[in-house]
């Protein structure tokens, strides 16, 4: 069941994020290097996101345990671009196991996109690690395409 995230959800959101940080660090150890105290830093950051007017924070609850979450921020495009609407920026988007991307991940993305459209954001930008194939596959199946890549030095 998809619902709005609450402060009580923060510890489970942080735990899922920490799992994803470890995974992404293996993909690109310099760029995605996690801080030693990343989970302690994320808890208050996530709590603040829940209160922001321009953020949609959703969780998927599977029998009392969160198996995925998404945080979408409604932002303006940089002034040199004109996508025709506000932008839905999705950076924090995690599911508990890779096999959940096509179900839980898709449901979270659909609900976030529905919610931000009501606020005038038609363009969705989703961050995804270049080796996160299950997430990439779901995004492609959902009609998204790669618009940019970041290249980093070691």
N, C-alpha and C. Protein backbone atom coordinates (compact mmCIF):
# COMPACT_ATOMS: atom_id res chain seq x y z
N UNK A 1 0.84 -1.18 0.00
CA UNK A 1 0.00 0.00 0.00
C UNK A 1 0.89 1.25 0.00
N UNK A 2 0.63 2.16 -0.91
CA UNK A 2 1.37 3.41 -1.01
C UNK A 2 0.68 4.47 -0.16
N UNK A 3 1.48 5.17 0.65
CA UNK A 3 0.93 6.25 1.48
C UNK A 3 2.00 7.30 1.70
N UNK A 4 1.57 8.43 2.25
CA UNK A 4 2.52 9.49 2.58
C UNK A 4 3.44 9.05 3.71
N UNK A 5 4.72 9.37 3.58
CA UNK A 5 5.69 9.02 4.62
C UNK A 5 5.46 9.87 5.87
N UNK A 6 5.75 9.28 7.03
CA UNK A 6 5.63 9.97 8.30
C UNK A 6 6.96 9.91 9.04
N UNK A 7 7.05 10.66 10.12
CA UNK A 7 8.27 10.63 10.93
C UNK A 7 8.57 9.22 11.45
N UNK A 8 7.54 8.44 11.71
CA UNK A 8 7.74 7.07 12.19
C UNK A 8 8.42 6.19 11.12
N UNK A 9 8.31 6.58 9.86
CA UNK A 9 8.91 5.82 8.76
C UNK A 9 10.39 6.12 8.57
N UNK A 10 10.88 7.20 9.14
CA UNK A 10 12.25 7.64 8.88
C UNK A 10 13.30 6.56 9.15
N UNK A 11 13.27 5.83 10.27
CA UNK A 11 14.31 4.80 10.47
C UNK A 11 14.34 3.74 9.37
N UNK A 12 13.18 3.32 8.88
CA UNK A 12 13.16 2.32 7.81
C UNK A 12 13.62 2.92 6.47
N UNK A 13 13.28 4.18 6.23
CA UNK A 13 13.75 4.86 5.03
C UNK A 13 15.27 4.96 5.06
N UNK A 14 15.81 5.33 6.20
CA UNK A 14 17.26 5.46 6.35
C UNK A 14 17.94 4.10 6.14
N UNK A 15 17.36 3.04 6.67
CA UNK A 15 17.94 1.69 6.51
C UNK A 15 17.96 1.29 5.04
N UNK A 16 16.87 1.54 4.31
CA UNK A 16 16.84 1.23 2.89
C UNK A 16 17.86 2.07 2.12
N UNK A 17 17.98 3.33 2.48
CA UNK A 17 18.95 4.21 1.83
C UNK A 17 20.37 3.75 2.07
N UNK A 18 20.64 3.33 3.28
CA UNK A 18 22.00 2.86 3.61
C UNK A 18 22.35 1.63 2.77
N UNK A 19 21.40 0.73 2.60
CA UNK A 19 21.61 -0.44 1.76
C UNK A 19 21.95 -0.01 0.33
N UNK A 20 21.23 0.97 -0.20
CA UNK A 20 21.46 1.44 -1.57
C UNK A 20 22.80 2.17 -1.66
N UNK A 21 23.18 2.91 -0.62
CA UNK A 21 24.49 3.58 -0.64
C UNK A 21 25.62 2.58 -0.75
N UNK A 22 25.53 1.47 -0.02
CA UNK A 22 26.56 0.42 -0.08
C UNK A 22 26.62 -0.15 -1.49
N UNK A 23 25.46 -0.41 -2.09
CA UNK A 23 25.41 -0.93 -3.46
C UNK A 23 26.04 0.04 -4.44
N UNK A 24 25.65 1.32 -4.38
CA UNK A 24 26.16 2.31 -5.33
C UNK A 24 27.65 2.58 -5.13
N UNK A 25 28.11 2.49 -3.91
CA UNK A 25 29.53 2.70 -3.66
C UNK A 25 30.36 1.67 -4.43
N UNK A 26 29.86 0.45 -4.57
CA UNK A 26 30.56 -0.58 -5.33
C UNK A 26 30.59 -0.23 -6.83
N UNK A 27 29.58 0.48 -7.32
CA UNK A 27 29.52 0.86 -8.73
C UNK A 27 30.58 1.91 -9.07
N UNK A 28 30.69 2.93 -8.24
CA UNK A 28 31.60 4.05 -8.49
C UNK A 28 32.14 4.52 -7.13
N UNK A 29 33.21 3.89 -6.64
CA UNK A 29 33.69 4.12 -5.27
C UNK A 29 34.06 5.55 -4.94
N UNK A 30 34.47 6.34 -5.91
CA UNK A 30 34.82 7.73 -5.60
C UNK A 30 33.57 8.60 -5.53
N UNK A 31 32.75 8.55 -6.57
CA UNK A 31 31.57 9.40 -6.63
C UNK A 31 30.56 9.04 -5.55
N UNK A 32 30.29 7.74 -5.38
CA UNK A 32 29.24 7.29 -4.46
C UNK A 32 29.80 6.91 -3.08
N UNK A 33 31.04 7.30 -2.76
CA UNK A 33 31.61 6.94 -1.45
C UNK A 33 30.71 7.48 -0.34
N UNK A 34 30.22 6.56 0.48
CA UNK A 34 29.32 6.97 1.56
C UNK A 34 30.12 7.47 2.76
N UNK A 35 29.55 8.42 3.44
CA UNK A 35 30.16 8.93 4.66
C UNK A 35 30.04 7.87 5.76
N UNK A 36 31.00 7.85 6.65
CA UNK A 36 31.00 6.87 7.74
C UNK A 36 29.74 6.97 8.58
N UNK A 37 29.20 8.16 8.72
CA UNK A 37 28.01 8.38 9.55
C UNK A 37 26.81 8.78 8.68
N UNK A 38 26.72 8.21 7.49
CA UNK A 38 25.68 8.60 6.55
C UNK A 38 24.27 8.39 7.10
N UNK A 39 24.06 7.30 7.81
CA UNK A 39 22.70 7.06 8.32
C UNK A 39 22.33 8.07 9.40
N UNK A 40 23.28 8.46 10.25
CA UNK A 40 22.98 9.48 11.27
C UNK A 40 22.69 10.84 10.63
N UNK A 41 23.35 11.12 9.52
CA UNK A 41 23.11 12.39 8.83
C UNK A 41 21.79 12.37 8.08
N UNK A 42 21.41 11.22 7.56
CA UNK A 42 20.21 11.17 6.75
C UNK A 42 18.93 11.30 7.56
N UNK A 43 18.91 10.79 8.76
CA UNK A 43 17.66 10.81 9.55
C UNK A 43 17.10 12.22 9.70
N UNK A 44 17.87 13.20 10.17
CA UNK A 44 17.29 14.54 10.28
C UNK A 44 16.99 15.17 8.92
N UNK A 45 17.82 14.88 7.92
CA UNK A 45 17.58 15.39 6.56
C UNK A 45 16.24 14.88 6.04
N UNK A 46 15.99 13.59 6.20
CA UNK A 46 14.73 13.00 5.73
C UNK A 46 13.55 13.58 6.47
N UNK A 47 13.68 13.76 7.77
CA UNK A 47 12.58 14.34 8.55
C UNK A 47 12.22 15.73 8.03
N UNK A 48 13.21 16.51 7.65
CA UNK A 48 12.94 17.85 7.10
C UNK A 48 12.22 17.75 5.77
N UNK A 49 12.59 16.77 4.94
CA UNK A 49 11.94 16.61 3.64
C UNK A 49 10.44 16.36 3.78
N UNK A 50 10.07 15.64 4.84
CA UNK A 50 8.65 15.34 5.05
C UNK A 50 7.81 16.60 5.27
N UNK A 51 8.45 17.66 5.72
CA UNK A 51 7.74 18.91 6.03
C UNK A 51 7.77 19.91 4.88
N UNK A 52 8.60 19.70 3.87
CA UNK A 52 8.75 20.67 2.80
C UNK A 52 7.51 20.70 1.91
N UNK A 53 7.08 21.91 1.59
CA UNK A 53 5.89 22.08 0.75
C UNK A 53 6.10 21.59 -0.67
N UNK A 54 7.34 21.63 -1.15
CA UNK A 54 7.60 21.24 -2.53
C UNK A 54 8.03 19.78 -2.65
N UNK A 55 7.84 18.98 -1.61
CA UNK A 55 8.25 17.58 -1.64
C UNK A 55 7.06 16.64 -1.48
N UNK A 56 7.11 15.56 -2.23
CA UNK A 56 6.16 14.46 -2.09
C UNK A 56 6.97 13.28 -1.59
N UNK A 57 6.67 12.79 -0.40
CA UNK A 57 7.40 11.68 0.21
C UNK A 57 6.43 10.53 0.42
N UNK A 58 6.70 9.42 -0.28
CA UNK A 58 5.80 8.28 -0.23
C UNK A 58 6.54 7.02 0.19
N UNK A 59 5.81 6.11 0.84
CA UNK A 59 6.37 4.80 1.20
C UNK A 59 5.41 3.72 0.72
N UNK A 60 5.99 2.54 0.53
CA UNK A 60 5.19 1.34 0.25
C UNK A 60 5.29 0.47 1.48
N UNK A 61 4.15 0.15 2.05
CA UNK A 61 4.08 -0.65 3.27
C UNK A 61 3.61 -2.06 2.93
N UNK A 62 4.43 -3.03 3.30
CA UNK A 62 4.09 -4.44 3.09
C UNK A 62 3.97 -5.10 4.45
N UNK A 63 2.77 -5.18 4.96
CA UNK A 63 2.51 -5.82 6.25
C UNK A 63 3.32 -5.20 7.39
N UNK A 64 3.31 -3.87 7.46
CA UNK A 64 3.96 -3.17 8.56
C UNK A 64 5.44 -2.88 8.36
N UNK A 65 6.00 -3.29 7.25
CA UNK A 65 7.41 -3.04 6.96
C UNK A 65 7.50 -2.28 5.64
N UNK A 66 8.31 -1.26 5.60
CA UNK A 66 8.46 -0.46 4.39
C UNK A 66 9.37 -1.21 3.42
N UNK A 67 8.85 -1.45 2.21
CA UNK A 67 9.65 -2.14 1.20
C UNK A 67 10.04 -1.22 0.05
N UNK A 68 9.79 0.07 0.20
CA UNK A 68 10.23 1.04 -0.79
C UNK A 68 9.77 2.43 -0.42
N UNK A 69 10.48 3.43 -0.96
CA UNK A 69 10.10 4.82 -0.74
C UNK A 69 10.57 5.67 -1.91
N UNK A 70 9.98 6.85 -2.03
CA UNK A 70 10.36 7.80 -3.06
C UNK A 70 10.18 9.20 -2.49
N UNK A 71 11.11 10.09 -2.83
CA UNK A 71 11.00 11.49 -2.45
C UNK A 71 11.11 12.30 -3.74
N UNK A 72 10.06 13.03 -4.07
CA UNK A 72 10.01 13.84 -5.28
C UNK A 72 9.93 15.31 -4.88
N UNK A 73 10.83 16.11 -5.44
CA UNK A 73 10.82 17.56 -5.20
C UNK A 73 10.31 18.27 -6.44
N UNK A 74 9.45 19.21 -6.25
CA UNK A 74 8.94 20.01 -7.35
C UNK A 74 9.81 21.26 -7.44
N UNK A 75 10.50 21.39 -8.56
CA UNK A 75 11.45 22.48 -8.73
C UNK A 75 11.26 23.14 -10.10
N UNK A 76 11.83 24.32 -10.25
CA UNK A 76 11.86 24.98 -11.55
C UNK A 76 13.09 24.51 -12.30
N UNK A 77 12.98 24.41 -13.60
CA UNK A 77 14.13 24.08 -14.43
C UNK A 77 15.13 25.23 -14.36
N UNK A 78 16.41 24.96 -14.60
CA UNK A 78 17.37 26.07 -14.68
C UNK A 78 16.88 27.09 -15.73
N UNK A 79 17.17 28.36 -15.53
CA UNK A 79 16.61 29.39 -16.41
C UNK A 79 17.03 29.29 -17.87
N UNK A 80 18.03 28.51 -18.19
CA UNK A 80 18.47 28.37 -19.58
C UNK A 80 17.70 27.28 -20.32
N UNK A 81 16.80 26.57 -19.62
CA UNK A 81 15.99 25.53 -20.23
C UNK A 81 14.52 25.84 -20.02
N UNK A 82 13.69 25.36 -20.92
CA UNK A 82 12.26 25.58 -20.81
C UNK A 82 11.53 24.28 -21.16
N UNK A 83 11.40 23.36 -20.16
CA UNK A 83 10.72 22.10 -20.44
C UNK A 83 9.20 22.24 -20.54
N UNK A 84 8.67 23.43 -20.28
CA UNK A 84 7.24 23.64 -20.42
C UNK A 84 6.44 23.46 -19.15
N UNK A 85 7.11 23.08 -18.06
CA UNK A 85 6.40 22.91 -16.78
C UNK A 85 7.41 22.91 -15.66
N UNK A 86 6.89 22.86 -14.46
CA UNK A 86 7.77 22.59 -13.33
C UNK A 86 8.36 21.19 -13.50
N UNK A 87 9.39 20.88 -12.72
CA UNK A 87 10.09 19.61 -12.85
C UNK A 87 9.94 18.81 -11.56
N UNK A 88 9.73 17.51 -11.71
CA UNK A 88 9.68 16.59 -10.58
C UNK A 88 11.06 15.93 -10.49
N UNK A 89 11.85 16.33 -9.49
CA UNK A 89 13.20 15.80 -9.31
C UNK A 89 13.16 14.68 -8.28
N UNK A 90 13.52 13.46 -8.71
CA UNK A 90 13.49 12.30 -7.83
C UNK A 90 14.91 11.78 -7.66
N UNK A 91 15.46 12.00 -6.48
CA UNK A 91 16.81 11.52 -6.17
C UNK A 91 16.72 10.32 -5.24
N UNK A 92 15.96 10.44 -4.18
CA UNK A 92 15.83 9.36 -3.20
C UNK A 92 14.67 8.45 -3.60
N UNK A 93 15.03 7.26 -4.11
CA UNK A 93 14.04 6.32 -4.63
C UNK A 93 14.65 4.94 -4.52
N UNK A 94 14.15 4.15 -3.57
CA UNK A 94 14.76 2.86 -3.24
C UNK A 94 13.67 1.82 -2.97
N UNK A 95 13.94 0.59 -3.37
CA UNK A 95 13.11 -0.55 -2.97
C UNK A 95 14.00 -1.55 -2.24
N UNK A 96 13.39 -2.40 -1.45
CA UNK A 96 14.13 -3.30 -0.56
C UNK A 96 14.95 -4.36 -1.30
N UNK A 97 14.43 -4.86 -2.40
CA UNK A 97 15.15 -5.88 -3.18
C UNK A 97 14.96 -5.60 -4.66
N UNK A 98 15.92 -5.96 -5.50
CA UNK A 98 15.82 -5.65 -6.93
C UNK A 98 14.56 -6.16 -7.61
N UNK A 99 14.03 -7.28 -7.16
CA UNK A 99 12.83 -7.83 -7.80
C UNK A 99 11.58 -6.99 -7.54
N UNK A 100 11.66 -6.01 -6.66
CA UNK A 100 10.50 -5.15 -6.36
C UNK A 100 10.40 -3.93 -7.27
N UNK A 101 11.40 -3.69 -8.12
CA UNK A 101 11.34 -2.49 -8.97
C UNK A 101 10.11 -2.49 -9.87
N UNK A 102 9.77 -3.62 -10.45
CA UNK A 102 8.66 -3.66 -11.40
C UNK A 102 7.29 -3.61 -10.74
N UNK A 103 7.22 -3.79 -9.46
CA UNK A 103 5.93 -3.72 -8.75
C UNK A 103 5.92 -2.53 -7.80
N UNK A 104 6.64 -2.62 -6.72
CA UNK A 104 6.68 -1.55 -5.72
C UNK A 104 7.28 -0.28 -6.31
N UNK A 105 8.41 -0.40 -7.00
CA UNK A 105 9.04 0.78 -7.61
C UNK A 105 8.12 1.47 -8.59
N UNK A 106 7.49 0.68 -9.46
CA UNK A 106 6.57 1.24 -10.45
C UNK A 106 5.39 1.93 -9.77
N UNK A 107 4.83 1.31 -8.73
CA UNK A 107 3.69 1.90 -8.02
C UNK A 107 4.09 3.22 -7.35
N UNK A 108 5.27 3.25 -6.74
CA UNK A 108 5.75 4.49 -6.11
C UNK A 108 5.95 5.58 -7.15
N UNK A 109 6.58 5.24 -8.26
CA UNK A 109 6.81 6.22 -9.32
C UNK A 109 5.50 6.74 -9.88
N UNK A 110 4.57 5.85 -10.14
CA UNK A 110 3.26 6.27 -10.68
C UNK A 110 2.56 7.23 -9.74
N UNK A 111 2.55 6.90 -8.46
CA UNK A 111 1.86 7.75 -7.49
C UNK A 111 2.56 9.09 -7.33
N UNK A 112 3.89 9.10 -7.30
CA UNK A 112 4.62 10.36 -7.19
C UNK A 112 4.35 11.24 -8.41
N UNK A 113 4.38 10.64 -9.59
CA UNK A 113 4.14 11.42 -10.81
C UNK A 113 2.71 11.96 -10.84
N UNK A 114 1.76 11.18 -10.37
CA UNK A 114 0.38 11.66 -10.29
C UNK A 114 0.28 12.86 -9.35
N UNK A 115 0.93 12.74 -8.19
CA UNK A 115 0.87 13.81 -7.19
C UNK A 115 1.53 15.10 -7.66
N UNK A 116 2.66 14.99 -8.35
CA UNK A 116 3.34 16.21 -8.78
C UNK A 116 2.66 16.85 -9.99
N UNK A 117 1.99 16.05 -10.81
CA UNK A 117 1.24 16.62 -11.94
C UNK A 117 0.16 17.58 -11.44
N UNK A 118 -0.47 17.21 -10.33
CA UNK A 118 -1.49 18.07 -9.73
C UNK A 118 -0.89 19.43 -9.38
N UNK A 119 0.41 19.44 -9.06
CA UNK A 119 1.11 20.68 -8.69
C UNK A 119 1.73 21.37 -9.91
N UNK A 120 1.56 20.80 -11.10
CA UNK A 120 2.06 21.45 -12.31
C UNK A 120 3.40 20.96 -12.82
N UNK A 121 3.91 19.85 -12.28
CA UNK A 121 5.20 19.31 -12.74
C UNK A 121 4.95 18.12 -13.66
N UNK A 122 5.20 18.32 -14.95
CA UNK A 122 4.97 17.25 -15.92
C UNK A 122 6.24 16.47 -16.26
N UNK A 123 7.39 17.07 -16.12
CA UNK A 123 8.66 16.42 -16.45
C UNK A 123 9.23 15.78 -15.20
N UNK A 124 9.54 14.48 -15.27
CA UNK A 124 10.17 13.78 -14.15
C UNK A 124 11.63 13.52 -14.48
N UNK A 125 12.51 13.81 -13.54
CA UNK A 125 13.94 13.53 -13.65
C UNK A 125 14.27 12.59 -12.49
N UNK A 126 14.75 11.39 -12.81
CA UNK A 126 15.02 10.38 -11.79
C UNK A 126 16.50 10.02 -11.81
N UNK A 127 17.14 10.10 -10.66
CA UNK A 127 18.55 9.72 -10.53
C UNK A 127 18.63 8.20 -10.44
N UNK A 128 19.57 7.62 -11.20
CA UNK A 128 19.76 6.17 -11.18
C UNK A 128 21.23 5.87 -11.46
N UNK A 129 21.84 5.06 -10.60
CA UNK A 129 23.22 4.64 -10.82
C UNK A 129 23.35 3.89 -12.13
N UNK A 130 24.48 4.08 -12.81
CA UNK A 130 24.62 3.51 -14.15
C UNK A 130 24.64 1.99 -14.18
N UNK A 131 24.90 1.32 -13.07
CA UNK A 131 24.91 -0.14 -13.04
C UNK A 131 23.70 -0.72 -12.32
N UNK A 132 22.74 0.11 -11.98
CA UNK A 132 21.53 -0.35 -11.29
C UNK A 132 20.53 -0.82 -12.35
N UNK A 133 20.82 -1.94 -12.96
CA UNK A 133 20.04 -2.44 -14.09
C UNK A 133 18.55 -2.67 -13.78
N UNK A 134 18.19 -3.27 -12.64
CA UNK A 134 16.75 -3.46 -12.38
C UNK A 134 15.98 -2.14 -12.33
N UNK A 135 16.57 -1.12 -11.71
CA UNK A 135 15.91 0.19 -11.65
C UNK A 135 15.87 0.82 -13.03
N UNK A 136 16.96 0.73 -13.77
CA UNK A 136 17.01 1.28 -15.12
C UNK A 136 15.94 0.63 -16.02
N UNK A 137 15.82 -0.69 -15.90
CA UNK A 137 14.83 -1.41 -16.71
C UNK A 137 13.41 -0.94 -16.39
N UNK A 138 13.11 -0.75 -15.11
CA UNK A 138 11.79 -0.28 -14.72
C UNK A 138 11.54 1.13 -15.26
N UNK A 139 12.54 2.01 -15.14
CA UNK A 139 12.37 3.38 -15.63
C UNK A 139 12.13 3.40 -17.13
N UNK A 140 12.88 2.57 -17.85
CA UNK A 140 12.68 2.50 -19.30
C UNK A 140 11.29 1.97 -19.63
N UNK A 141 10.84 0.93 -18.94
CA UNK A 141 9.51 0.38 -19.16
C UNK A 141 8.42 1.40 -18.82
N UNK A 142 8.72 2.32 -17.89
CA UNK A 142 7.76 3.35 -17.50
C UNK A 142 7.74 4.53 -18.48
N UNK A 143 8.56 4.43 -19.53
CA UNK A 143 8.55 5.48 -20.54
C UNK A 143 9.59 6.56 -20.36
N UNK A 144 10.48 6.42 -19.38
CA UNK A 144 11.53 7.41 -19.19
C UNK A 144 12.72 7.05 -20.09
N UNK A 145 13.56 8.01 -20.38
CA UNK A 145 14.74 7.76 -21.18
C UNK A 145 15.93 8.52 -20.58
N UNK A 146 17.11 8.10 -20.93
CA UNK A 146 18.32 8.75 -20.44
C UNK A 146 18.47 10.10 -21.13
N UNK A 147 18.60 11.16 -20.34
CA UNK A 147 18.77 12.50 -20.89
C UNK A 147 20.17 13.04 -20.60
N UNK A 148 20.84 12.47 -19.62
CA UNK A 148 22.15 12.99 -19.23
C UNK A 148 22.91 11.90 -18.50
N UNK A 149 24.22 11.97 -18.55
CA UNK A 149 25.07 11.10 -17.75
C UNK A 149 26.13 11.97 -17.10
N UNK A 150 26.59 11.57 -15.94
CA UNK A 150 27.68 12.26 -15.26
C UNK A 150 28.91 11.39 -15.38
N UNK A 151 29.98 11.93 -15.83
CA UNK A 151 31.25 11.23 -15.93
C UNK A 151 32.17 11.81 -14.86
N UNK A 152 32.83 10.95 -14.11
CA UNK A 152 33.68 11.41 -13.01
C UNK A 152 35.08 10.83 -13.15
N UNK A 153 36.04 11.54 -12.60
CA UNK A 153 37.41 11.00 -12.56
C UNK A 153 37.61 10.33 -11.22
N UNK A 154 38.60 9.47 -11.15
CA UNK A 154 38.84 8.76 -9.88
C UNK A 154 39.66 9.62 -8.95
